[in-house]
Each structure stands twice: as C-alpha cells, then as structure tokens.
Amino acid sequence: MRFTIGQQLEMLLTSINLSENRQVISNALHSYFQISHIENVSIDGLHNVTYLDKLLDNKAAIQTGDLQISGETDRVYIDTDHDIHLLDPGFNRKITVSKQQALSTVLWNPWKEKSHSMSDMPDNGWSSMLCIESANVADNTVAIDPGQKQQLATTISVDHL
C-alpha cells in the first residue's frame, strides 16, 4: 500500500500472486468522508449505472440521476471506471474520487438505526459521514496469474463548489 499526500490524496494498493495458481480477488479502498449532513449532500457520476443493493439481497437496479441518501445505503455500482463527485453545499465543496484499475464503486451509510448498534460509531455518526470506495467486487472481481500483480488506485481531490 502506498499513500501520496499533497494537493490531492493518492492511494495505491498492489496485490501480487505468489502462488502457482491463478487467484481471483476482490479489493477495495475504503474512503470515509466527513460531510456537513447526509441529507444535504448528493453524489453524481452514477447516472444510468447498474447497482447491486446489498440491503435487498443484491437485487440489481439502475441509478437515475444524482444520488441523495435518505436511509441506510449499502450499494455496489458495477462497471464504473469514471470519476464520482460528492457535492456538499454545507461545506461548500466538491470531492472527486478518481480511480484506476477499479471497476466498482461502493457507497455506504449505516443511517440511524444501524449506527446505534455500532460500537465504533457515535449514535449520530451516520449524519456526518459517507463512505465511497473504489473497488473491484461482485461482477468486477480480478483474476491474477501466478507471479503477476494487480494495482488498484484512487485519487481524491477537493474543490470549492
């Protein structure tokens, strides 16, 4: 794992297959963002993208328009190799999550009820966080041949709205 911190944050995860057999892996870089309030933010860059809703036994659906979180959310957007933007007018910022060698995007927020049962999150922690992960999961797992490597990278930048 390599981190580069500057005007933007770059994270690079390298997986190397040291076995004699092809290995199929999933991987993710979990990025948790502090936000002004979950009900005031929106996520763009996922319009017309298929997602698997983990709260509904991985039922597939298609995102229409920008996403606004209004309850517990645990989704895997598949075949997403483009930038995702977290728009937070309360903090007057746009966070851009760019990725390389990652074809999935995971969005997660536990919401009120689940947050109360989590020992590592304050009861109201759900209201000021959103997880956006660059990943290769579900339909986007990766096969690595013996002696080969796979790299998953994400770059996070912040701009004013």
N, C-alpha and C. Protein backbone atom coordinates (compact mmCIF):
# COMPACT_ATOMS: atom_id res chain seq x y z
N MET A 1 0.85 -1.17 0.00
CA MET A 1 0.00 0.00 0.00
C MET A 1 0.89 1.23 0.00
N ARG A 2 0.59 2.18 -0.87
CA ARG A 2 1.35 3.42 -0.94
C ARG A 2 0.38 4.60 -0.88
N PHE A 3 0.73 5.58 -0.05
CA PHE A 3 -0.04 6.81 0.07
C PHE A 3 0.83 7.97 -0.38
N THR A 4 0.26 8.87 -1.18
CA THR A 4 0.94 10.09 -1.57
C THR A 4 0.02 11.24 -1.17
N ILE A 5 0.53 12.10 -0.28
CA ILE A 5 -0.29 13.18 0.25
C ILE A 5 0.28 14.50 -0.25
N GLY A 6 -0.59 15.30 -0.87
CA GLY A 6 -0.21 16.61 -1.39
C GLY A 6 -1.47 17.41 -1.61
N GLN A 7 -1.57 18.08 -2.73
CA GLN A 7 -2.80 18.81 -3.08
C GLN A 7 -3.97 17.85 -3.22
N GLN A 8 -3.67 16.61 -3.46
CA GLN A 8 -4.67 15.55 -3.52
C GLN A 8 -4.09 14.33 -2.82
N LEU A 9 -4.95 13.41 -2.48
CA LEU A 9 -4.52 12.16 -1.84
C LEU A 9 -4.54 11.06 -2.88
N GLU A 10 -3.42 10.36 -3.01
CA GLU A 10 -3.34 9.22 -3.92
C GLU A 10 -3.07 7.97 -3.09
N MET A 11 -3.85 6.92 -3.36
CA MET A 11 -3.65 5.64 -2.68
C MET A 11 -3.48 4.56 -3.74
N LEU A 12 -2.50 3.69 -3.55
CA LEU A 12 -2.21 2.62 -4.49
C LEU A 12 -2.08 1.32 -3.71
N LEU A 13 -2.92 0.36 -4.04
CA LEU A 13 -2.89 -0.96 -3.42
C LEU A 13 -2.39 -1.95 -4.47
N THR A 14 -1.31 -2.66 -4.16
CA THR A 14 -0.74 -3.64 -5.07
C THR A 14 -0.96 -5.03 -4.50
N SER A 15 -1.58 -5.91 -5.29
CA SER A 15 -1.77 -7.32 -4.91
C SER A 15 -0.91 -8.16 -5.84
N ILE A 16 -0.08 -9.02 -5.25
CA ILE A 16 0.82 -9.88 -6.02
C ILE A 16 0.45 -11.33 -5.78
N ASN A 17 0.31 -12.10 -6.85
CA ASN A 17 0.00 -13.52 -6.74
C ASN A 17 1.31 -14.30 -6.61
N LEU A 18 1.58 -14.76 -5.40
CA LEU A 18 2.80 -15.53 -5.14
C LEU A 18 2.57 -17.03 -5.23
N SER A 19 1.35 -17.43 -5.57
CA SER A 19 1.05 -18.86 -5.66
C SER A 19 1.35 -19.38 -7.07
N GLU A 20 1.11 -20.65 -7.26
CA GLU A 20 1.31 -21.27 -8.57
C GLU A 20 0.01 -21.35 -9.36
N ASN A 21 -1.06 -20.84 -8.80
CA ASN A 21 -2.37 -20.89 -9.44
C ASN A 21 -2.94 -19.50 -9.63
N ARG A 22 -3.77 -19.36 -10.63
CA ARG A 22 -4.48 -18.11 -10.84
C ARG A 22 -5.36 -17.86 -9.62
N GLN A 23 -5.37 -16.61 -9.16
CA GLN A 23 -6.17 -16.23 -8.00
C GLN A 23 -7.18 -15.17 -8.41
N VAL A 24 -8.41 -15.35 -7.95
CA VAL A 24 -9.45 -14.35 -8.18
C VAL A 24 -9.65 -13.60 -6.87
N ILE A 25 -9.53 -12.29 -6.94
CA ILE A 25 -9.63 -11.47 -5.74
C ILE A 25 -10.66 -10.36 -5.91
N SER A 26 -11.10 -9.87 -4.79
CA SER A 26 -11.83 -8.60 -4.76
C SER A 26 -11.00 -7.69 -3.86
N ASN A 27 -11.07 -6.39 -4.11
CA ASN A 27 -10.32 -5.45 -3.30
C ASN A 27 -11.05 -4.11 -3.30
N ALA A 28 -10.75 -3.31 -2.28
CA ALA A 28 -11.42 -2.01 -2.16
C ALA A 28 -10.56 -1.08 -1.32
N LEU A 29 -10.62 0.18 -1.65
CA LEU A 29 -10.00 1.24 -0.86
C LEU A 29 -11.15 2.01 -0.21
N HIS A 30 -11.30 1.83 1.09
CA HIS A 30 -12.42 2.40 1.84
C HIS A 30 -12.12 3.86 2.18
N SER A 31 -12.86 4.76 1.60
CA SER A 31 -12.68 6.20 1.84
C SER A 31 -13.91 6.71 2.58
N TYR A 32 -13.70 7.13 3.81
CA TYR A 32 -14.79 7.68 4.63
C TYR A 32 -14.66 9.19 4.65
N PHE A 33 -15.73 9.86 4.27
CA PHE A 33 -15.69 11.32 4.17
C PHE A 33 -16.56 11.94 5.24
N GLN A 34 -16.01 12.97 5.91
CA GLN A 34 -16.82 13.77 6.82
C GLN A 34 -17.58 14.76 5.95
N ILE A 35 -18.87 14.85 6.21
CA ILE A 35 -19.74 15.72 5.42
C ILE A 35 -20.54 16.62 6.36
N SER A 36 -21.14 17.66 5.81
CA SER A 36 -21.91 18.60 6.63
C SER A 36 -23.15 17.91 7.20
N HIS A 37 -23.91 17.22 6.38
CA HIS A 37 -25.06 16.41 6.81
C HIS A 37 -25.48 15.54 5.64
N ILE A 38 -25.72 14.27 5.93
CA ILE A 38 -26.02 13.29 4.88
C ILE A 38 -27.23 13.70 4.02
N GLU A 39 -28.21 14.34 4.62
CA GLU A 39 -29.41 14.70 3.85
C GLU A 39 -29.19 15.91 2.95
N ASN A 40 -28.02 16.56 3.05
CA ASN A 40 -27.74 17.74 2.23
C ASN A 40 -26.75 17.49 1.11
N VAL A 41 -26.18 16.29 1.03
CA VAL A 41 -25.18 16.01 0.00
C VAL A 41 -25.80 15.22 -1.14
N SER A 42 -25.11 15.25 -2.27
CA SER A 42 -25.52 14.43 -3.41
C SER A 42 -24.27 13.86 -4.06
N ILE A 43 -24.47 12.76 -4.79
CA ILE A 43 -23.37 12.08 -5.47
C ILE A 43 -23.71 12.06 -6.95
N ASP A 44 -22.82 12.58 -7.79
CA ASP A 44 -23.05 12.46 -9.22
C ASP A 44 -21.94 11.63 -9.86
N GLY A 45 -22.21 11.18 -11.06
CA GLY A 45 -21.28 10.31 -11.78
C GLY A 45 -21.77 8.87 -11.84
N LEU A 46 -22.98 8.62 -11.35
CA LEU A 46 -23.50 7.25 -11.35
C LEU A 46 -24.80 7.10 -12.13
N HIS A 47 -25.22 8.16 -12.83
CA HIS A 47 -26.45 8.10 -13.62
C HIS A 47 -26.38 6.97 -14.66
N ASN A 48 -27.43 6.18 -14.74
CA ASN A 48 -27.56 5.05 -15.67
C ASN A 48 -26.61 3.90 -15.37
N VAL A 49 -26.08 3.84 -14.16
CA VAL A 49 -25.18 2.75 -13.76
C VAL A 49 -25.97 1.71 -12.98
N THR A 50 -25.72 0.45 -13.27
CA THR A 50 -26.35 -0.65 -12.54
C THR A 50 -25.69 -0.81 -11.18
N TYR A 51 -26.54 -1.00 -10.16
CA TYR A 51 -26.00 -1.26 -8.82
C TYR A 51 -26.69 -2.47 -8.21
N LEU A 52 -25.96 -3.08 -7.28
CA LEU A 52 -26.49 -4.19 -6.50
C LEU A 52 -26.78 -3.65 -5.11
N ASP A 53 -28.01 -3.79 -4.67
CA ASP A 53 -28.42 -3.27 -3.36
C ASP A 53 -28.22 -4.37 -2.32
N LYS A 54 -27.20 -4.22 -1.49
CA LYS A 54 -26.88 -5.25 -0.50
C LYS A 54 -27.95 -5.36 0.57
N LEU A 55 -28.77 -4.34 0.73
CA LEU A 55 -29.86 -4.39 1.70
C LEU A 55 -31.07 -5.17 1.17
N LEU A 56 -31.06 -5.43 -0.13
CA LEU A 56 -32.17 -6.18 -0.78
C LEU A 56 -31.62 -7.43 -1.45
N ASP A 57 -30.73 -8.15 -0.75
CA ASP A 57 -30.15 -9.41 -1.25
C ASP A 57 -29.49 -9.24 -2.62
N ASN A 58 -28.79 -8.14 -2.81
CA ASN A 58 -28.06 -7.84 -4.04
C ASN A 58 -28.97 -7.70 -5.26
N LYS A 59 -30.18 -7.27 -5.04
CA LYS A 59 -31.09 -7.00 -6.17
C LYS A 59 -30.50 -5.90 -7.03
N ALA A 60 -30.51 -6.10 -8.34
CA ALA A 60 -29.95 -5.13 -9.28
C ALA A 60 -30.98 -4.05 -9.60
N ALA A 61 -30.49 -2.83 -9.76
CA ALA A 61 -31.32 -1.70 -10.17
C ALA A 61 -30.42 -0.73 -10.93
N ILE A 62 -31.01 0.26 -11.53
CA ILE A 62 -30.25 1.26 -12.28
C ILE A 62 -30.45 2.62 -11.63
N GLN A 63 -29.33 3.30 -11.37
CA GLN A 63 -29.38 4.63 -10.77
C GLN A 63 -29.91 5.63 -11.80
N THR A 64 -30.84 6.45 -11.38
CA THR A 64 -31.38 7.50 -12.23
C THR A 64 -31.03 8.84 -11.61
N GLY A 65 -30.28 9.65 -12.31
CA GLY A 65 -29.90 10.97 -11.82
C GLY A 65 -28.88 10.91 -10.70
N ASP A 66 -28.68 12.06 -10.06
CA ASP A 66 -27.78 12.13 -8.92
C ASP A 66 -28.39 11.37 -7.76
N LEU A 67 -27.53 10.86 -6.89
CA LEU A 67 -27.99 10.09 -5.74
C LEU A 67 -28.02 10.98 -4.51
N GLN A 68 -29.14 10.92 -3.79
CA GLN A 68 -29.24 11.58 -2.49
C GLN A 68 -29.61 10.49 -1.49
N ILE A 69 -28.90 10.44 -0.39
CA ILE A 69 -29.08 9.40 0.60
C ILE A 69 -30.24 9.78 1.52
N SER A 70 -31.21 8.87 1.67
CA SER A 70 -32.37 9.16 2.52
C SER A 70 -32.67 8.00 3.48
N GLY A 71 -31.72 7.10 3.62
CA GLY A 71 -31.88 5.96 4.52
C GLY A 71 -30.62 5.11 4.44
N GLU A 72 -30.60 4.01 5.20
CA GLU A 72 -29.44 3.13 5.16
C GLU A 72 -29.13 2.76 3.72
N THR A 73 -27.86 2.86 3.36
CA THR A 73 -27.43 2.62 1.98
C THR A 73 -26.20 1.72 1.99
N ASP A 74 -26.27 0.66 1.20
CA ASP A 74 -25.13 -0.25 1.02
C ASP A 74 -25.23 -0.81 -0.39
N ARG A 75 -24.56 -0.14 -1.32
CA ARG A 75 -24.69 -0.47 -2.74
C ARG A 75 -23.33 -0.67 -3.40
N VAL A 76 -23.32 -1.57 -4.37
CA VAL A 76 -22.15 -1.78 -5.23
C VAL A 76 -22.55 -1.38 -6.64
N TYR A 77 -21.96 -0.31 -7.14
CA TYR A 77 -22.18 0.11 -8.52
C TYR A 77 -21.13 -0.60 -9.37
N ILE A 78 -21.58 -1.31 -10.40
CA ILE A 78 -20.66 -2.11 -11.20
C ILE A 78 -20.33 -1.40 -12.51
N ASP A 79 -19.16 -1.74 -13.04
CA ASP A 79 -18.67 -1.18 -14.30
C ASP A 79 -18.61 0.35 -14.26
N THR A 80 -18.01 0.87 -13.19
CA THR A 80 -17.85 2.32 -13.04
C THR A 80 -16.37 2.65 -13.02
N ASP A 81 -15.85 3.08 -14.14
CA ASP A 81 -14.43 3.43 -14.21
C ASP A 81 -14.22 4.93 -14.29
N HIS A 82 -15.27 5.69 -14.09
CA HIS A 82 -15.18 7.15 -14.21
C HIS A 82 -15.23 7.82 -12.84
N ASP A 83 -15.02 9.12 -12.82
CA ASP A 83 -14.99 9.89 -11.58
C ASP A 83 -16.37 9.94 -10.92
N ILE A 84 -16.34 9.97 -9.59
CA ILE A 84 -17.53 10.14 -8.78
C ILE A 84 -17.35 11.45 -8.02
N HIS A 85 -18.41 12.24 -7.92
CA HIS A 85 -18.34 13.54 -7.25
C HIS A 85 -19.30 13.57 -6.07
N LEU A 86 -18.78 13.94 -4.92
CA LEU A 86 -19.58 14.14 -3.72
C LEU A 86 -19.76 15.65 -3.57
N LEU A 87 -20.98 16.11 -3.73
CA LEU A 87 -21.28 17.54 -3.67
C LEU A 87 -21.85 17.86 -2.29
N ASP A 88 -21.18 18.74 -1.57
CA ASP A 88 -21.55 19.07 -0.20
C ASP A 88 -21.67 20.59 -0.05
N PRO A 89 -22.86 21.15 -0.34
CA PRO A 89 -23.03 22.60 -0.25
C PRO A 89 -22.84 23.14 1.18
N GLY A 90 -23.11 22.33 2.20
CA GLY A 90 -22.92 22.76 3.58
C GLY A 90 -21.47 23.08 3.89
N PHE A 91 -20.54 22.36 3.28
CA PHE A 91 -19.10 22.64 3.43
C PHE A 91 -18.55 23.35 2.19
N ASN A 92 -19.43 23.73 1.25
CA ASN A 92 -19.04 24.44 0.03
C ASN A 92 -17.91 23.73 -0.71
N ARG A 93 -18.07 22.42 -0.90
CA ARG A 93 -17.00 21.67 -1.57
C ARG A 93 -17.53 20.54 -2.43
N LYS A 94 -16.68 20.20 -3.37
CA LYS A 94 -16.91 19.02 -4.23
C LYS A 94 -15.70 18.13 -4.05
N ILE A 95 -15.95 16.88 -3.62
CA ILE A 95 -14.89 15.90 -3.50
C ILE A 95 -14.98 15.00 -4.73
N THR A 96 -13.86 14.85 -5.42
CA THR A 96 -13.81 13.99 -6.60
C THR A 96 -13.01 12.74 -6.25
N VAL A 97 -13.61 11.59 -6.53
CA VAL A 97 -12.95 10.31 -6.34
C VAL A 97 -12.68 9.74 -7.73
N SER A 98 -11.41 9.73 -8.11
CA SER A 98 -10.98 9.16 -9.39
C SER A 98 -10.34 7.82 -9.11
N LYS A 99 -10.42 6.91 -10.06
CA LYS A 99 -9.83 5.59 -9.81
C LYS A 99 -9.21 5.02 -11.07
N GLN A 100 -8.28 4.11 -10.82
CA GLN A 100 -7.60 3.41 -11.90
C GLN A 100 -7.60 1.92 -11.53
N GLN A 101 -7.86 1.09 -12.51
CA GLN A 101 -7.91 -0.36 -12.32
C GLN A 101 -8.96 -0.75 -11.29
N ALA A 102 -10.03 0.00 -11.24
CA ALA A 102 -11.15 -0.29 -10.35
C ALA A 102 -12.43 -0.13 -11.14
N LEU A 103 -13.26 -1.15 -11.14
CA LEU A 103 -14.48 -1.11 -11.93
C LEU A 103 -15.76 -1.07 -11.10
N SER A 104 -15.62 -1.02 -9.77
CA SER A 104 -16.79 -0.95 -8.90
C SER A 104 -16.67 0.29 -8.01
N THR A 105 -17.83 0.79 -7.62
CA THR A 105 -17.91 1.87 -6.63
C THR A 105 -18.87 1.41 -5.55
N VAL A 106 -18.43 1.46 -4.31
CA VAL A 106 -19.28 1.08 -3.18
C VAL A 106 -19.69 2.34 -2.44
N LEU A 107 -20.98 2.47 -2.16
CA LEU A 107 -21.50 3.58 -1.35
C LEU A 107 -22.12 3.00 -0.10
N TRP A 108 -21.78 3.59 1.06
CA TRP A 108 -22.31 3.05 2.32
C TRP A 108 -22.56 4.16 3.33
N ASN A 109 -23.72 4.08 3.96
CA ASN A 109 -24.05 4.89 5.12
C ASN A 109 -24.99 4.05 5.97
N PRO A 110 -24.67 3.86 7.27
CA PRO A 110 -25.46 2.96 8.10
C PRO A 110 -26.82 3.52 8.54
N TRP A 111 -27.01 4.81 8.48
CA TRP A 111 -28.21 5.52 8.89
C TRP A 111 -28.42 5.38 10.40
N LYS A 112 -29.54 5.86 10.87
CA LYS A 112 -29.80 6.00 12.30
C LYS A 112 -29.77 4.68 13.06
N GLU A 113 -30.60 3.75 12.68
CA GLU A 113 -30.78 2.52 13.45
C GLU A 113 -29.49 1.71 13.55
N LYS A 114 -28.83 1.48 12.44
CA LYS A 114 -27.61 0.68 12.45
C LYS A 114 -26.48 1.41 13.20
N SER A 115 -26.42 2.72 13.07
CA SER A 115 -25.39 3.50 13.74
C SER A 115 -25.46 3.28 15.26
N HIS A 116 -26.67 3.16 15.80
CA HIS A 116 -26.85 2.95 17.24
C HIS A 116 -26.26 1.62 17.70
N SER A 117 -26.21 0.64 16.81
CA SER A 117 -25.71 -0.69 17.20
C SER A 117 -24.22 -0.88 16.92
N MET A 118 -23.56 0.13 16.37
CA MET A 118 -22.15 0.02 16.02
C MET A 118 -21.29 0.60 17.15
N SER A 119 -20.37 -0.22 17.66
CA SER A 119 -19.54 0.23 18.78
C SER A 119 -18.49 1.26 18.37
N ASP A 120 -18.14 1.32 17.09
CA ASP A 120 -17.10 2.25 16.65
C ASP A 120 -17.65 3.51 16.00
N MET A 121 -18.96 3.77 16.19
CA MET A 121 -19.55 4.97 15.61
C MET A 121 -20.49 5.60 16.63
N PRO A 122 -20.40 6.91 16.83
CA PRO A 122 -21.36 7.58 17.72
C PRO A 122 -22.78 7.40 17.18
N ASP A 123 -23.75 7.50 18.05
CA ASP A 123 -25.15 7.30 17.64
C ASP A 123 -25.56 8.21 16.49
N ASN A 124 -25.02 9.43 16.46
CA ASN A 124 -25.38 10.34 15.36
C ASN A 124 -24.30 10.41 14.28
N GLY A 125 -23.34 9.48 14.31
CA GLY A 125 -22.24 9.48 13.34
C GLY A 125 -22.70 9.32 11.90
N TRP A 126 -23.81 8.66 11.70
CA TRP A 126 -24.36 8.43 10.36
C TRP A 126 -24.62 9.75 9.63
N SER A 127 -24.95 10.80 10.38
CA SER A 127 -25.38 12.04 9.74
C SER A 127 -24.23 12.85 9.16
N SER A 128 -23.00 12.54 9.56
CA SER A 128 -21.86 13.35 9.10
C SER A 128 -20.80 12.53 8.38
N MET A 129 -21.19 11.37 7.82
CA MET A 129 -20.22 10.54 7.10
C MET A 129 -20.84 9.89 5.87
N LEU A 130 -19.98 9.62 4.92
CA LEU A 130 -20.36 8.84 3.75
C LEU A 130 -19.12 8.11 3.27
N CYS A 131 -19.28 6.83 3.01
CA CYS A 131 -18.18 6.01 2.51
C CYS A 131 -18.36 5.83 1.00
N ILE A 132 -17.32 6.19 0.26
CA ILE A 132 -17.28 5.98 -1.19
C ILE A 132 -16.01 5.19 -1.47
N GLU A 133 -16.14 3.95 -1.92
CA GLU A 133 -15.00 3.07 -2.12
C GLU A 133 -14.72 2.83 -3.60
N SER A 134 -13.47 2.92 -3.96
CA SER A 134 -13.01 2.44 -5.26
C SER A 134 -12.72 0.96 -5.07
N ALA A 135 -13.28 0.12 -5.93
CA ALA A 135 -13.22 -1.32 -5.65
C ALA A 135 -13.27 -2.16 -6.91
N ASN A 136 -12.99 -3.43 -6.71
CA ASN A 136 -13.23 -4.49 -7.69
C ASN A 136 -13.95 -5.60 -6.92
N VAL A 137 -15.26 -5.56 -6.95
CA VAL A 137 -16.07 -6.53 -6.20
C VAL A 137 -17.24 -6.98 -7.05
N ALA A 138 -17.97 -7.97 -6.54
CA ALA A 138 -19.16 -8.51 -7.20
C ALA A 138 -18.80 -8.96 -8.62
N ASP A 139 -19.43 -8.37 -9.63
CA ASP A 139 -19.18 -8.75 -11.02
C ASP A 139 -17.81 -8.30 -11.52
N ASN A 140 -17.10 -7.52 -10.73
CA ASN A 140 -15.83 -6.94 -11.16
C ASN A 140 -14.62 -7.49 -10.42
N THR A 141 -14.69 -8.73 -9.93
CA THR A 141 -13.50 -9.32 -9.31
C THR A 141 -12.40 -9.42 -10.35
N VAL A 142 -11.16 -9.60 -9.88
CA VAL A 142 -9.99 -9.59 -10.75
C VAL A 142 -9.25 -10.91 -10.65
N ALA A 143 -8.83 -11.46 -11.80
CA ALA A 143 -8.01 -12.68 -11.81
C ALA A 143 -6.55 -12.28 -12.00
N ILE A 144 -5.69 -12.83 -11.13
CA ILE A 144 -4.25 -12.55 -11.21
C ILE A 144 -3.52 -13.85 -11.47
N ASP A 145 -2.78 -13.91 -12.55
CA ASP A 145 -2.00 -15.10 -12.89
C ASP A 145 -0.80 -15.23 -11.96
N PRO A 146 -0.25 -16.45 -11.84
CA PRO A 146 0.93 -16.66 -10.97
C PRO A 146 2.06 -15.70 -11.33
N GLY A 147 2.65 -15.10 -10.29
CA GLY A 147 3.76 -14.19 -10.49
C GLY A 147 3.38 -12.80 -10.98
N GLN A 148 2.10 -12.55 -11.21
CA GLN A 148 1.65 -11.25 -11.72
C GLN A 148 1.09 -10.41 -10.57
N LYS A 149 0.84 -9.14 -10.87
CA LYS A 149 0.28 -8.25 -9.87
C LYS A 149 -0.89 -7.47 -10.45
N GLN A 150 -1.69 -6.95 -9.55
CA GLN A 150 -2.80 -6.08 -9.92
C GLN A 150 -2.73 -4.88 -9.01
N GLN A 151 -2.93 -3.69 -9.59
CA GLN A 151 -2.90 -2.48 -8.80
C GLN A 151 -4.24 -1.77 -8.88
N LEU A 152 -4.69 -1.34 -7.73
CA LEU A 152 -5.93 -0.57 -7.60
C LEU A 152 -5.53 0.79 -7.04
N ALA A 153 -5.93 1.86 -7.69
CA ALA A 153 -5.53 3.20 -7.25
C ALA A 153 -6.74 4.12 -7.20
N THR A 154 -6.68 5.06 -6.29
CA THR A 154 -7.69 6.10 -6.23
C THR A 154 -7.02 7.42 -5.89
N THR A 155 -7.56 8.47 -6.45
CA THR A 155 -7.09 9.83 -6.19
C THR A 155 -8.28 10.63 -5.72
N ILE A 156 -8.09 11.31 -4.59
CA ILE A 156 -9.17 12.11 -4.01
C ILE A 156 -8.73 13.56 -4.01
N SER A 157 -9.58 14.40 -4.58
CA SER A 157 -9.28 15.84 -4.62
C SER A 157 -10.51 16.62 -4.16
N VAL A 158 -10.26 17.84 -3.70
CA VAL A 158 -11.32 18.69 -3.17
C VAL A 158 -11.28 20.04 -3.87
N ASP A 159 -12.46 20.52 -4.28
CA ASP A 159 -12.60 21.83 -4.91
C ASP A 159 -13.77 22.55 -4.25
N HIS A 160 -13.79 23.88 -4.39
CA HIS A 160 -14.94 24.66 -3.92
C HIS A 160 -16.09 24.46 -4.89
N LEU A 161 -17.30 24.53 -4.37
CA LEU A 161 -18.48 24.47 -5.25
C LEU A 161 -18.65 25.79 -5.97
